[in-house]
Protein backbone atom coordinates (compact mmCIF):
# COMPACT_ATOMS: atom_id res chain seq x y z
CA GLN A 1 7.35 -16.84 -4.61
CA VAL A 2 5.53 -14.22 -2.50
CA GLN A 3 1.77 -14.20 -2.88
CA LEU A 4 0.29 -10.58 -1.87
CA VAL A 5 -3.98 -10.46 -1.41
CA GLU A 6 -5.04 -6.66 -0.63
CA SER A 7 -8.19 -5.31 0.50
CA GLY A 8 -9.94 -2.75 2.29
CA GLY A 9 -10.90 -0.60 -0.47
CA GLY A 10 -14.00 1.15 -0.77
CA LEU A 11 -15.91 4.51 -1.44
CA VAL A 12 -15.79 7.03 0.68
CA GLN A 13 -16.81 10.83 1.12
CA PRO A 14 -13.80 13.26 1.62
CA GLY A 15 -12.64 13.77 4.73
CA GLY A 16 -13.06 9.86 5.34
CA SER A 17 -11.17 7.27 6.03
CA LEU A 18 -10.20 3.61 5.08
CA ARG A 19 -7.54 0.98 6.15
CA LEU A 20 -6.07 -1.08 3.34
CA SER A 21 -4.71 -4.26 4.47
CA CYS A 22 -1.95 -6.42 2.56
CA VAL A 23 -1.20 -9.94 3.50
CA ALA A 24 2.03 -11.79 2.59
CA SER A 25 2.56 -15.32 2.27
CA GLY A 26 5.06 -17.56 -0.06
CA SER A 27 8.52 -17.26 0.24
CA ILE A 28 7.99 -13.95 3.00
CA GLY A 29 11.90 -14.36 4.57
CA SER A 30 13.32 -13.57 1.04
CA ILE A 31 11.07 -9.89 1.70
CA ASN A 32 13.40 -7.08 2.18
CA ALA A 33 10.73 -3.93 1.64
CA MET A 34 7.26 -3.40 1.11
CA GLY A 35 5.27 -0.63 0.20
CA TRP A 36 1.94 1.07 -1.10
CA TYR A 37 1.56 2.24 -4.61
CA ARG A 38 -1.42 3.67 -6.86
CA LEU A 39 -2.91 4.15 -10.07
CA ALA A 40 -5.21 6.48 -10.84
CA PRO A 41 -6.40 7.24 -14.80
CA GLY A 42 -4.08 8.95 -16.74
CA LYS A 43 -1.35 9.33 -14.42
CA GLN A 44 1.59 7.20 -14.19
CA ARG A 45 2.02 4.54 -11.21
CA GLU A 46 2.98 6.82 -7.78
CA MET A 47 4.71 5.67 -4.58
CA VAL A 48 2.47 6.23 -1.69
CA ALA A 49 4.43 4.15 1.03
CA ARG A 50 7.26 2.07 1.36
CA MET A 51 8.65 0.41 4.56
CA SER A 52 12.27 -1.58 4.81
CA ASN A 53 12.94 -3.96 6.90
CA SER A 54 14.63 -1.84 9.13
CA THR A 55 11.26 -0.28 9.97
CA THR A 56 11.96 3.22 8.06
CA THR A 57 9.21 4.39 5.99
CA THR A 58 8.63 6.81 3.58
CA TYR A 59 5.65 8.31 2.10
CA ALA A 60 4.49 10.59 -0.65
CA ILE A 61 4.91 14.43 0.08
CA SER A 62 0.98 14.09 -1.30
CA VAL A 63 0.21 11.78 1.47
CA THR A 64 2.60 12.55 4.46
CA GLY A 65 0.71 13.65 7.28
CA ARG A 66 -2.74 11.85 6.24
CA PHE A 67 -1.61 8.17 5.58
CA THR A 68 0.64 5.82 8.14
CA MET A 69 1.76 2.50 7.42
CA SER A 70 2.16 -0.09 9.65
CA ARG A 71 2.90 -4.14 9.84
CA ASP A 72 2.15 -6.48 12.17
CA ASN A 73 4.64 -9.40 11.49
CA ALA A 74 2.81 -12.04 13.24
CA LYS A 75 -0.01 -11.72 10.86
CA ASN A 76 2.55 -11.43 7.52
CA THR A 77 0.15 -8.01 6.76
CA VAL A 78 0.76 -4.37 6.37
CA TYR A 79 -1.82 -1.53 6.35
CA LEU A 80 -2.13 1.62 4.94
CA GLN A 81 -4.30 3.92 7.23
CA MET A 82 -5.81 6.76 5.34
CA ASN A 83 -7.28 9.68 6.64
CA SER A 84 -8.61 13.08 5.44
CA LEU A 85 -9.15 11.41 2.37
CA LYS A 86 -9.32 13.54 -1.35
CA PRO A 87 -10.85 13.03 -4.35
CA GLU A 88 -7.36 13.23 -5.74
CA ASP A 89 -6.45 9.89 -3.80
CA THR A 90 -9.01 7.90 -5.71
CA ALA A 91 -6.95 5.11 -6.94
CA VAL A 92 -6.33 1.37 -7.69
CA TYR A 93 -3.57 0.76 -4.32
CA TYR A 94 -1.38 -1.56 -4.84
CA CYS A 95 0.97 -3.65 -2.48
CA SER A 96 4.16 -4.82 -3.41
CA ALA A 97 6.81 -6.60 -1.81
CA SER A 98 10.50 -6.19 -3.04
CA GLN A 99 13.71 -9.30 -2.81
CA LEU A 100 17.20 -8.32 -3.07
CA GLU A 101 18.45 -11.96 -4.15
CA PRO A 102 17.63 -11.76 -7.32
CA PRO A 103 15.97 -8.65 -7.52
CA TYR A 104 12.64 -9.06 -7.95
CA ALA A 105 9.21 -7.36 -7.24
CA PHE A 106 5.86 -9.01 -6.68
CA TRP A 107 2.83 -6.93 -6.92
CA GLY A 108 -0.81 -7.68 -5.75
CA ARG A 109 -3.76 -7.13 -7.90
CA GLY A 110 -5.12 -3.71 -6.05
CA THR A 111 -7.65 -2.61 -4.17
CA GLN A 112 -10.04 0.31 -5.55
CA VAL A 113 -10.54 3.34 -3.27
CA THR A 114 -12.92 6.01 -4.46
CA VAL A 115 -13.06 9.34 -2.46
CA SER A 116 -16.66 11.24 -3.66
CA SER A 117 -19.02 13.05 -2.45
């Protein structure tokens, strides 16, 4: 089992920045990739950024150039730095961890990000 706890969400004005954090605990040795996803009202869940153990990171087109995913292995933490935020970035942001054997995805409870003036 892997436990994920997100933090760092909040209310920010358009053009502002936030940094989300996700702390992983439990059987973290089984994790082969971690990612950030978001779910906005009336929309499907969207992959925002995903980082494999090779440190290759993939971003959604909508956030490329504005969001950066990073990790601190010593703290078992991944981050999502979000700059130049737009109202359409408003969503609940979830951290996810994937394992290969057996194939499974763990999820955090999410953190709300609201971009509004």
